Amino acid sequence: MGSSQLTPNTPPPAIPQPTPLRDVFGRLRRRHMVPIALAFIVFLLISALLARFLSTENVERDDVLAILAAEVVGDERAMLSQLSSCRAQPKCVALVKADATSLHRTGSVKILSLTSSTAYSLTGATGMTRVAWTVIGHLPTVQCVTVKRTGSFLTGVSVTLLSIGAPISNEADC
């Protein structure tokens, strides 16, 4: 008989069993747990900072959508309340009144395109945001909104709308 054959008294070879998770953690020593815990905490902090930073783009989009919605229903007061320091500038107030009158439509605003020159700025910045929008059943409108961002990547960035321009050509840049 060859040595590779099983005899009636020889037990079958043991099949390796999966190691329970508690055994794996039990074998980790205290010196391994501290770096793992620190790495996990650093990962959570970086994730939270990144999420807060990336949400700034949504804040700008929501603010621009709110002013466009007020513009479409002809609500000058709501438009002026969303534009920081516009009430103190007669030219800005006149432009808001003209936009609210000429762009009055029935329906909800749909943003087609939003391109911000301050997007993903790690520090404060002021620049133009080009927004193309429409109300279903009407031709698209393109306007420029002056946006000011303050703060930093670490402290958080806030968005303030300064002014909204008259409609421009569909192919024009701000």
N, C-alpha and C. Protein backbone atom coordinates (compact mmCIF):
# COMPACT_ATOMS: atom_id res chain seq x y z
N MET A 1 0.81 -1.17 0.00
CA MET A 1 0.00 0.00 0.00
C MET A 1 0.85 1.24 0.00
N GLY A 2 0.44 2.21 -0.81
CA GLY A 2 1.21 3.45 -0.85
C GLY A 2 0.89 4.33 0.35
N SER A 3 1.76 5.23 0.64
CA SER A 3 1.59 6.10 1.80
C SER A 3 0.51 7.16 1.57
N SER A 4 0.10 7.34 0.31
CA SER A 4 -0.89 8.37 0.03
C SER A 4 -2.31 7.87 0.23
N GLN A 5 -2.48 6.58 0.45
CA GLN A 5 -3.83 6.04 0.63
C GLN A 5 -4.22 6.10 2.10
N LEU A 6 -5.50 6.30 2.34
CA LEU A 6 -6.01 6.34 3.70
C LEU A 6 -6.28 4.92 4.18
N THR A 7 -5.96 4.69 5.39
CA THR A 7 -6.29 3.40 6.01
C THR A 7 -7.52 3.62 6.86
N PRO A 8 -8.20 2.59 7.24
CA PRO A 8 -9.43 2.74 8.02
C PRO A 8 -9.18 3.47 9.34
N ASN A 9 -7.99 3.40 9.91
CA ASN A 9 -7.73 4.04 11.20
C ASN A 9 -7.19 5.46 11.06
N THR A 10 -6.89 5.93 9.85
CA THR A 10 -6.33 7.27 9.64
C THR A 10 -7.48 8.27 9.46
N PRO A 11 -7.46 9.35 10.25
CA PRO A 11 -8.53 10.35 10.08
C PRO A 11 -8.32 11.13 8.78
N PRO A 12 -9.36 11.64 8.20
CA PRO A 12 -9.22 12.43 6.97
C PRO A 12 -8.46 13.72 7.28
N PRO A 13 -7.78 14.28 6.28
CA PRO A 13 -7.03 15.52 6.52
C PRO A 13 -7.99 16.64 6.97
N ALA A 14 -7.49 17.48 7.86
CA ALA A 14 -8.31 18.56 8.39
C ALA A 14 -8.53 19.64 7.33
N ILE A 15 -9.77 20.11 7.22
CA ILE A 15 -10.11 21.20 6.31
C ILE A 15 -9.95 22.49 7.10
N PRO A 16 -9.15 23.44 6.59
CA PRO A 16 -8.97 24.68 7.34
C PRO A 16 -10.30 25.41 7.51
N GLN A 17 -10.60 25.80 8.71
CA GLN A 17 -11.83 26.52 9.02
C GLN A 17 -11.55 28.03 8.97
N PRO A 18 -12.52 28.80 8.55
CA PRO A 18 -12.31 30.25 8.53
C PRO A 18 -12.12 30.76 9.96
N THR A 19 -11.25 31.71 10.10
CA THR A 19 -10.95 32.28 11.41
C THR A 19 -12.03 33.30 11.76
N PRO A 20 -12.68 33.15 12.90
CA PRO A 20 -13.69 34.14 13.29
C PRO A 20 -13.04 35.51 13.47
N LEU A 21 -13.82 36.54 13.21
CA LEU A 21 -13.32 37.91 13.28
C LEU A 21 -12.81 38.25 14.67
N ARG A 22 -13.46 37.73 15.69
CA ARG A 22 -13.01 38.03 17.06
C ARG A 22 -11.62 37.47 17.32
N ASP A 23 -11.28 36.35 16.66
CA ASP A 23 -9.94 35.80 16.82
C ASP A 23 -8.89 36.69 16.15
N VAL A 24 -9.27 37.26 14.99
CA VAL A 24 -8.35 38.14 14.28
C VAL A 24 -8.05 39.36 15.15
N PHE A 25 -9.11 39.99 15.70
CA PHE A 25 -8.91 41.14 16.56
C PHE A 25 -8.21 40.76 17.86
N GLY A 26 -8.45 39.55 18.32
CA GLY A 26 -7.79 39.09 19.54
C GLY A 26 -6.29 38.98 19.35
N ARG A 27 -5.86 38.64 18.15
CA ARG A 27 -4.44 38.50 17.88
C ARG A 27 -3.73 39.84 17.67
N LEU A 28 -4.52 40.88 17.33
CA LEU A 28 -3.90 42.19 17.17
C LEU A 28 -3.45 42.68 18.54
N ARG A 29 -2.30 43.17 18.57
CA ARG A 29 -1.78 43.69 19.84
C ARG A 29 -2.17 45.15 20.00
N ARG A 30 -2.06 45.63 21.19
CA ARG A 30 -2.41 47.01 21.50
C ARG A 30 -1.62 47.98 20.63
N ARG A 31 -0.39 47.68 20.31
CA ARG A 31 0.42 48.58 19.49
C ARG A 31 -0.11 48.68 18.06
N HIS A 32 -0.87 47.69 17.61
CA HIS A 32 -1.48 47.75 16.29
C HIS A 32 -2.81 48.51 16.32
N MET A 33 -3.53 48.42 17.42
CA MET A 33 -4.85 49.03 17.51
C MET A 33 -4.77 50.56 17.52
N VAL A 34 -3.77 51.12 18.16
CA VAL A 34 -3.66 52.58 18.25
C VAL A 34 -3.44 53.20 16.86
N PRO A 35 -2.50 52.73 16.05
CA PRO A 35 -2.35 53.33 14.71
C PRO A 35 -3.60 53.13 13.84
N ILE A 36 -4.25 52.00 13.98
CA ILE A 36 -5.47 51.76 13.20
C ILE A 36 -6.55 52.75 13.61
N ALA A 37 -6.72 52.96 14.90
CA ALA A 37 -7.72 53.90 15.39
C ALA A 37 -7.39 55.33 14.94
N LEU A 38 -6.13 55.71 15.02
CA LEU A 38 -5.72 57.05 14.58
C LEU A 38 -5.96 57.24 13.08
N ALA A 39 -5.64 56.25 12.29
CA ALA A 39 -5.86 56.33 10.84
C ALA A 39 -7.36 56.48 10.54
N PHE A 40 -8.17 55.77 11.27
CA PHE A 40 -9.63 55.85 11.08
C PHE A 40 -10.14 57.25 11.44
N ILE A 41 -9.65 57.82 12.53
CA ILE A 41 -10.07 59.16 12.94
C ILE A 41 -9.63 60.20 11.91
N VAL A 42 -8.40 60.09 11.41
CA VAL A 42 -7.92 61.02 10.38
C VAL A 42 -8.78 60.90 9.12
N PHE A 43 -9.12 59.69 8.73
CA PHE A 43 -9.98 59.47 7.56
C PHE A 43 -11.34 60.15 7.75
N LEU A 44 -11.93 60.01 8.94
CA LEU A 44 -13.23 60.64 9.20
C LEU A 44 -13.13 62.17 9.15
N LEU A 45 -12.07 62.73 9.70
CA LEU A 45 -11.90 64.18 9.67
C LEU A 45 -11.73 64.72 8.25
N ILE A 46 -10.91 64.05 7.47
CA ILE A 46 -10.71 64.47 6.08
C ILE A 46 -12.01 64.34 5.29
N SER A 47 -12.74 63.27 5.52
CA SER A 47 -14.03 63.08 4.83
C SER A 47 -15.01 64.19 5.18
N ALA A 48 -15.08 64.57 6.44
CA ALA A 48 -15.99 65.63 6.86
C ALA A 48 -15.61 66.97 6.24
N LEU A 49 -14.32 67.30 6.23
CA LEU A 49 -13.86 68.55 5.61
C LEU A 49 -14.15 68.57 4.12
N LEU A 50 -13.91 67.47 3.46
CA LEU A 50 -14.16 67.38 2.02
C LEU A 50 -15.65 67.51 1.71
N ALA A 51 -16.48 66.87 2.49
CA ALA A 51 -17.93 66.96 2.28
C ALA A 51 -18.42 68.39 2.45
N ARG A 52 -17.92 69.07 3.48
CA ARG A 52 -18.32 70.46 3.72
C ARG A 52 -17.86 71.35 2.56
N PHE A 53 -16.65 71.15 2.08
CA PHE A 53 -16.10 71.94 0.99
C PHE A 53 -16.90 71.72 -0.30
N LEU A 54 -17.20 70.46 -0.62
CA LEU A 54 -17.91 70.16 -1.86
C LEU A 54 -19.36 70.61 -1.81
N SER A 55 -19.94 70.71 -0.63
CA SER A 55 -21.33 71.15 -0.53
C SER A 55 -21.48 72.63 -0.85
N THR A 56 -20.39 73.39 -0.88
CA THR A 56 -20.44 74.81 -1.21
C THR A 56 -20.97 75.01 -2.63
N GLU A 57 -20.66 74.11 -3.53
CA GLU A 57 -21.16 74.23 -4.91
C GLU A 57 -22.68 74.14 -4.92
N ASN A 58 -23.24 73.28 -4.08
CA ASN A 58 -24.70 73.17 -4.00
C ASN A 58 -25.32 74.42 -3.40
N VAL A 59 -24.64 75.04 -2.45
CA VAL A 59 -25.14 76.26 -1.84
C VAL A 59 -25.23 77.36 -2.89
N GLU A 60 -24.18 77.50 -3.70
CA GLU A 60 -24.20 78.51 -4.76
C GLU A 60 -25.33 78.24 -5.74
N ARG A 61 -25.47 77.01 -6.16
CA ARG A 61 -26.53 76.65 -7.12
C ARG A 61 -27.91 76.95 -6.53
N ASP A 62 -28.12 76.60 -5.27
CA ASP A 62 -29.41 76.86 -4.62
C ASP A 62 -29.70 78.35 -4.51
N ASP A 63 -28.67 79.14 -4.18
CA ASP A 63 -28.85 80.59 -4.08
C ASP A 63 -29.19 81.20 -5.44
N VAL A 64 -28.49 80.76 -6.48
CA VAL A 64 -28.77 81.26 -7.83
C VAL A 64 -30.18 80.85 -8.25
N LEU A 65 -30.57 79.62 -7.98
CA LEU A 65 -31.92 79.16 -8.32
C LEU A 65 -32.98 79.98 -7.60
N ALA A 66 -32.73 80.32 -6.35
CA ALA A 66 -33.71 81.11 -5.58
C ALA A 66 -33.90 82.49 -6.17
N ILE A 67 -32.81 83.12 -6.58
CA ILE A 67 -32.96 84.47 -7.16
C ILE A 67 -33.63 84.40 -8.53
N LEU A 68 -33.34 83.35 -9.29
CA LEU A 68 -34.00 83.20 -10.60
C LEU A 68 -35.50 82.94 -10.42
N ALA A 69 -35.86 82.16 -9.42
CA ALA A 69 -37.27 81.88 -9.15
C ALA A 69 -38.01 83.16 -8.77
N ALA A 70 -37.36 84.02 -7.98
CA ALA A 70 -37.96 85.31 -7.61
C ALA A 70 -38.08 86.20 -8.85
N GLU A 71 -37.09 86.14 -9.71
CA GLU A 71 -37.07 86.94 -10.93
C GLU A 71 -38.22 86.54 -11.85
N VAL A 72 -38.45 85.25 -11.98
CA VAL A 72 -39.48 84.74 -12.89
C VAL A 72 -40.89 85.14 -12.43
N VAL A 73 -41.11 85.21 -11.14
CA VAL A 73 -42.43 85.61 -10.65
C VAL A 73 -42.54 87.13 -10.50
N GLY A 74 -41.45 87.86 -10.80
CA GLY A 74 -41.46 89.31 -10.74
C GLY A 74 -41.37 89.88 -9.33
N ASP A 75 -40.80 89.13 -8.41
CA ASP A 75 -40.70 89.56 -7.01
C ASP A 75 -39.40 90.32 -6.77
N GLU A 76 -39.45 91.64 -6.99
CA GLU A 76 -38.26 92.49 -6.83
C GLU A 76 -37.74 92.45 -5.40
N ARG A 77 -38.65 92.49 -4.44
CA ARG A 77 -38.25 92.51 -3.03
C ARG A 77 -37.44 91.26 -2.66
N ALA A 78 -37.90 90.10 -3.11
CA ALA A 78 -37.17 88.85 -2.83
C ALA A 78 -35.81 88.85 -3.51
N MET A 79 -35.76 89.37 -4.73
CA MET A 79 -34.48 89.45 -5.43
C MET A 79 -33.50 90.34 -4.68
N LEU A 80 -33.96 91.51 -4.25
CA LEU A 80 -33.09 92.44 -3.54
C LEU A 80 -32.64 91.87 -2.19
N SER A 81 -33.49 91.09 -1.55
CA SER A 81 -33.10 90.52 -0.25
C SER A 81 -32.03 89.44 -0.42
N GLN A 82 -31.93 88.86 -1.60
CA GLN A 82 -30.94 87.81 -1.84
C GLN A 82 -29.62 88.36 -2.38
N LEU A 83 -29.61 89.63 -2.74
CA LEU A 83 -28.39 90.26 -3.26
C LEU A 83 -27.80 91.15 -2.18
N SER A 84 -26.63 90.81 -1.72
CA SER A 84 -25.97 91.57 -0.66
C SER A 84 -25.59 92.95 -1.15
N SER A 85 -25.98 93.96 -0.45
CA SER A 85 -25.66 95.38 -0.68
C SER A 85 -26.19 95.94 -2.00
N CYS A 86 -27.11 95.27 -2.64
CA CYS A 86 -27.66 95.78 -3.90
C CYS A 86 -28.57 96.98 -3.64
N ARG A 87 -29.30 96.97 -2.54
CA ARG A 87 -30.22 98.07 -2.22
C ARG A 87 -29.49 99.42 -2.13
N ALA A 88 -28.22 99.39 -1.78
CA ALA A 88 -27.44 100.64 -1.62
C ALA A 88 -26.93 101.18 -2.95
N GLN A 89 -27.11 100.42 -4.04
CA GLN A 89 -26.61 100.84 -5.35
C GLN A 89 -27.78 101.06 -6.31
N PRO A 90 -28.09 102.29 -6.65
CA PRO A 90 -29.24 102.58 -7.52
C PRO A 90 -29.20 101.83 -8.86
N LYS A 91 -28.01 101.67 -9.43
CA LYS A 91 -27.89 100.97 -10.71
C LYS A 91 -28.30 99.50 -10.56
N CYS A 92 -27.90 98.87 -9.45
CA CYS A 92 -28.25 97.48 -9.19
C CYS A 92 -29.76 97.33 -8.98
N VAL A 93 -30.37 98.26 -8.23
CA VAL A 93 -31.81 98.22 -7.98
C VAL A 93 -32.57 98.37 -9.29
N ALA A 94 -32.13 99.30 -10.15
CA ALA A 94 -32.80 99.52 -11.44
C ALA A 94 -32.72 98.27 -12.31
N LEU A 95 -31.57 97.61 -12.30
CA LEU A 95 -31.40 96.39 -13.09
C LEU A 95 -32.30 95.27 -12.58
N VAL A 96 -32.41 95.14 -11.28
CA VAL A 96 -33.29 94.12 -10.68
C VAL A 96 -34.74 94.38 -11.09
N LYS A 97 -35.16 95.62 -11.02
CA LYS A 97 -36.54 95.97 -11.41
C LYS A 97 -36.79 95.64 -12.89
N ALA A 98 -35.83 95.99 -13.73
CA ALA A 98 -35.97 95.73 -15.16
C ALA A 98 -36.03 94.22 -15.43
N ASP A 99 -35.15 93.46 -14.76
CA ASP A 99 -35.16 91.99 -14.95
C ASP A 99 -36.46 91.38 -14.47
N ALA A 100 -36.94 91.81 -13.31
CA ALA A 100 -38.17 91.25 -12.76
C ALA A 100 -39.36 91.51 -13.67
N THR A 101 -39.33 92.65 -14.35
CA THR A 101 -40.43 92.99 -15.27
C THR A 101 -40.29 92.23 -16.59
N SER A 102 -39.11 92.25 -17.19
CA SER A 102 -38.95 91.67 -18.53
C SER A 102 -38.86 90.14 -18.53
N LEU A 103 -38.47 89.54 -17.43
CA LEU A 103 -38.30 88.08 -17.40
C LEU A 103 -39.42 87.36 -16.66
N HIS A 104 -40.52 88.07 -16.41
CA HIS A 104 -41.66 87.47 -15.73
C HIS A 104 -42.28 86.38 -16.60
N ARG A 105 -42.42 85.19 -16.03
CA ARG A 105 -42.97 84.05 -16.77
C ARG A 105 -43.80 83.20 -15.82
N THR A 106 -44.54 82.27 -16.39
CA THR A 106 -45.33 81.34 -15.58
C THR A 106 -44.68 79.97 -15.66
N GLY A 107 -44.39 79.40 -14.53
CA GLY A 107 -43.76 78.08 -14.48
C GLY A 107 -42.55 78.10 -13.57
N SER A 108 -41.93 76.94 -13.43
CA SER A 108 -40.77 76.85 -12.55
C SER A 108 -39.47 76.91 -13.36
N VAL A 109 -38.45 77.43 -12.72
CA VAL A 109 -37.15 77.62 -13.35
C VAL A 109 -36.40 76.29 -13.42
N LYS A 110 -35.80 76.03 -14.55
CA LYS A 110 -34.93 74.87 -14.74
C LYS A 110 -33.55 75.38 -15.14
N ILE A 111 -32.54 75.05 -14.35
CA ILE A 111 -31.18 75.46 -14.69
C ILE A 111 -30.63 74.49 -15.72
N LEU A 112 -30.18 75.04 -16.84
CA LEU A 112 -29.63 74.23 -17.92
C LEU A 112 -28.12 74.07 -17.77
N SER A 113 -27.46 75.15 -17.36
CA SER A 113 -26.00 75.14 -17.21
C SER A 113 -25.61 76.20 -16.20
N LEU A 114 -24.64 75.86 -15.37
CA LEU A 114 -24.12 76.82 -14.39
C LEU A 114 -22.61 76.67 -14.39
N THR A 115 -21.91 77.75 -14.75
CA THR A 115 -20.46 77.74 -14.79
C THR A 115 -19.94 78.86 -13.90
N SER A 116 -19.26 78.48 -12.83
CA SER A 116 -18.80 79.46 -11.85
C SER A 116 -17.29 79.63 -11.94
N SER A 117 -16.86 80.90 -11.96
CA SER A 117 -15.41 81.15 -11.97
C SER A 117 -14.81 80.99 -10.57
N THR A 118 -15.66 80.91 -9.56
CA THR A 118 -15.16 80.73 -8.19
C THR A 118 -15.28 79.28 -7.72
N ALA A 119 -15.72 78.40 -8.59
CA ALA A 119 -15.94 77.00 -8.20
C ALA A 119 -14.66 76.37 -7.66
N TYR A 120 -14.81 75.65 -6.58
CA TYR A 120 -13.74 74.89 -5.93
C TYR A 120 -12.57 75.77 -5.49
N SER A 121 -12.85 77.03 -5.20
CA SER A 121 -11.82 77.91 -4.67
C SER A 121 -11.53 77.51 -3.23
N LEU A 122 -10.24 77.31 -2.92
CA LEU A 122 -9.87 76.91 -1.57
C LEU A 122 -9.92 78.06 -0.58
N THR A 123 -9.88 79.27 -1.08
CA THR A 123 -9.97 80.46 -0.23
C THR A 123 -11.06 81.35 -0.79
N GLY A 124 -11.26 82.50 -0.20
CA GLY A 124 -12.27 83.43 -0.69
C GLY A 124 -11.97 83.90 -2.10
N ALA A 125 -13.01 84.17 -2.85
CA ALA A 125 -12.85 84.66 -4.22
C ALA A 125 -14.14 85.36 -4.64
N THR A 126 -14.02 86.27 -5.59
CA THR A 126 -15.18 86.94 -6.17
C THR A 126 -15.09 86.78 -7.67
N GLY A 127 -16.21 86.41 -8.29
CA GLY A 127 -16.19 86.21 -9.73
C GLY A 127 -17.59 86.07 -10.28
N MET A 128 -17.64 85.81 -11.57
CA MET A 128 -18.92 85.70 -12.27
C MET A 128 -19.34 84.24 -12.42
N THR A 129 -20.62 84.02 -12.27
CA THR A 129 -21.21 82.71 -12.54
C THR A 129 -22.16 82.89 -13.71
N ARG A 130 -21.94 82.12 -14.75
CA ARG A 130 -22.80 82.17 -15.94
C ARG A 130 -23.86 81.09 -15.77
N VAL A 131 -25.11 81.50 -15.83
CA VAL A 131 -26.21 80.55 -15.65
C VAL A 131 -27.14 80.62 -16.85
N ALA A 132 -27.39 79.47 -17.45
CA ALA A 132 -28.37 79.35 -18.52
C ALA A 132 -29.58 78.65 -17.91
N TRP A 133 -30.74 79.23 -18.08
CA TRP A 133 -31.93 78.68 -17.47
C TRP A 133 -33.13 78.84 -18.40
N THR A 134 -34.19 78.14 -18.07
CA THR A 134 -35.41 78.25 -18.85
C THR A 134 -36.61 77.96 -17.97
N VAL A 135 -37.74 78.34 -18.48
CA VAL A 135 -39.03 77.90 -17.96
C VAL A 135 -39.63 77.12 -19.11
N ILE A 136 -40.09 75.93 -18.85
CA ILE A 136 -40.62 75.06 -19.92
C ILE A 136 -41.64 75.84 -20.77
N GLY A 137 -41.43 75.79 -22.08
CA GLY A 137 -42.30 76.51 -23.01
C GLY A 137 -41.73 77.85 -23.45
N HIS A 138 -40.59 78.23 -22.88
CA HIS A 138 -39.93 79.50 -23.23
C HIS A 138 -38.51 79.21 -23.70
N LEU A 139 -37.95 80.17 -24.44
CA LEU A 139 -36.57 80.03 -24.89
C LEU A 139 -35.63 80.18 -23.69
N PRO A 140 -34.44 79.58 -23.77
CA PRO A 140 -33.47 79.72 -22.67
C PRO A 140 -33.00 81.17 -22.51
N THR A 141 -32.64 81.49 -21.28
CA THR A 141 -32.10 82.80 -20.94
C THR A 141 -30.75 82.58 -20.30
N VAL A 142 -29.80 83.44 -20.60
CA VAL A 142 -28.46 83.36 -20.00
C VAL A 142 -28.20 84.67 -19.25
N GLN A 143 -27.75 84.55 -18.02
CA GLN A 143 -27.43 85.71 -17.20
C GLN A 143 -26.13 85.47 -16.45
N CYS A 144 -25.54 86.57 -15.99
CA CYS A 144 -24.33 86.49 -15.18
C CYS A 144 -24.66 86.96 -13.77
N VAL A 145 -24.18 86.22 -12.79
CA VAL A 145 -24.39 86.55 -11.39
C VAL A 145 -23.02 86.74 -10.76
N THR A 146 -22.83 87.86 -10.05
CA THR A 146 -21.57 88.09 -9.35
C THR A 146 -21.66 87.40 -8.00
N VAL A 147 -20.68 86.52 -7.74
CA VAL A 147 -20.68 85.70 -6.54
C VAL A 147 -19.42 85.99 -5.74
N LYS A 148 -19.58 86.09 -4.43
CA LYS A 148 -18.44 86.28 -3.54
C LYS A 148 -18.40 85.11 -2.56
N ARG A 149 -17.24 84.47 -2.51
CA ARG A 149 -17.03 83.39 -1.54
C ARG A 149 -16.04 83.88 -0.50
N THR A 150 -16.34 83.59 0.75
CA THR A 150 -15.44 83.95 1.84
C THR A 150 -15.14 82.71 2.66
N GLY A 151 -14.04 82.74 3.37
CA GLY A 151 -13.65 81.60 4.20
C GLY A 151 -12.51 80.84 3.56
N SER A 152 -12.32 79.62 4.04
CA SER A 152 -11.25 78.79 3.51
C SER A 152 -11.69 77.33 3.55
N PHE A 153 -10.84 76.49 3.00
CA PHE A 153 -11.10 75.05 2.96
C PHE A 153 -11.28 74.50 4.37
N LEU A 154 -10.48 74.97 5.31
CA LEU A 154 -10.53 74.44 6.67
C LEU A 154 -11.67 75.01 7.50
N THR A 155 -11.95 76.31 7.33
CA THR A 155 -12.98 76.94 8.15
C THR A 155 -14.36 76.87 7.53
N GLY A 156 -14.43 76.51 6.28
CA GLY A 156 -15.70 76.48 5.57
C GLY A 156 -15.84 77.71 4.69
N VAL A 157 -16.48 77.55 3.58
CA VAL A 157 -16.65 78.63 2.61
C VAL A 157 -18.12 79.03 2.60
N SER A 158 -18.38 80.34 2.64
CA SER A 158 -19.75 80.82 2.53
C SER A 158 -19.91 81.55 1.20
N VAL A 159 -21.13 81.56 0.69
CA VAL A 159 -21.43 82.14 -0.61
C VAL A 159 -22.38 83.32 -0.44
N THR A 160 -22.07 84.42 -1.13
CA THR A 160 -22.92 85.61 -1.13
C THR A 160 -23.11 86.06 -2.57
N LEU A 161 -24.36 86.30 -2.96
CA LEU A 161 -24.64 86.84 -4.29
C LEU A 161 -24.59 88.36 -4.20
N LEU A 162 -23.85 88.99 -5.11
CA LEU A 162 -23.69 90.44 -5.09
C LEU A 162 -24.59 91.14 -6.10
N SER A 163 -24.71 90.59 -7.30
CA SER A 163 -25.54 91.22 -8.32
C SER A 163 -25.93 90.19 -9.38
N ILE A 164 -26.97 90.54 -10.13
CA ILE A 164 -27.41 89.72 -11.27
C ILE A 164 -27.51 90.65 -12.48
N GLY A 165 -27.01 90.17 -13.59
CA GLY A 165 -26.98 91.00 -14.79
C GLY A 165 -28.20 90.78 -15.67
N ALA A 166 -28.31 91.65 -16.64
CA ALA A 166 -29.36 91.53 -17.66
C ALA A 166 -29.06 90.31 -18.52
N PRO A 167 -30.05 89.79 -19.20
CA PRO A 167 -29.81 88.64 -20.10
C PRO A 167 -28.76 88.97 -21.16
N ILE A 168 -27.97 87.98 -21.50
CA ILE A 168 -26.94 88.11 -22.53
C ILE A 168 -27.21 87.09 -23.62
N SER A 169 -26.45 87.18 -24.69
CA SER A 169 -26.57 86.23 -25.79
C SER A 169 -26.29 84.82 -25.31
N ASN A 170 -26.95 83.84 -25.88
CA ASN A 170 -26.79 82.44 -25.46
C ASN A 170 -25.37 81.94 -25.58
N GLU A 171 -24.58 82.49 -26.47
CA GLU A 171 -23.21 82.05 -26.66
C GLU A 171 -22.18 82.93 -25.95
N ALA A 172 -22.63 84.00 -25.31
CA ALA A 172 -21.72 84.96 -24.70
C ALA A 172 -21.17 84.46 -23.38
N ASP A 173 -19.98 84.94 -23.06
CA ASP A 173 -19.38 84.68 -21.76
C ASP A 173 -19.63 85.88 -20.86
N CYS A 174 -19.51 85.66 -19.58
CA CYS A 174 -19.68 86.76 -18.61
C CYS A 174 -18.47 87.66 -18.61
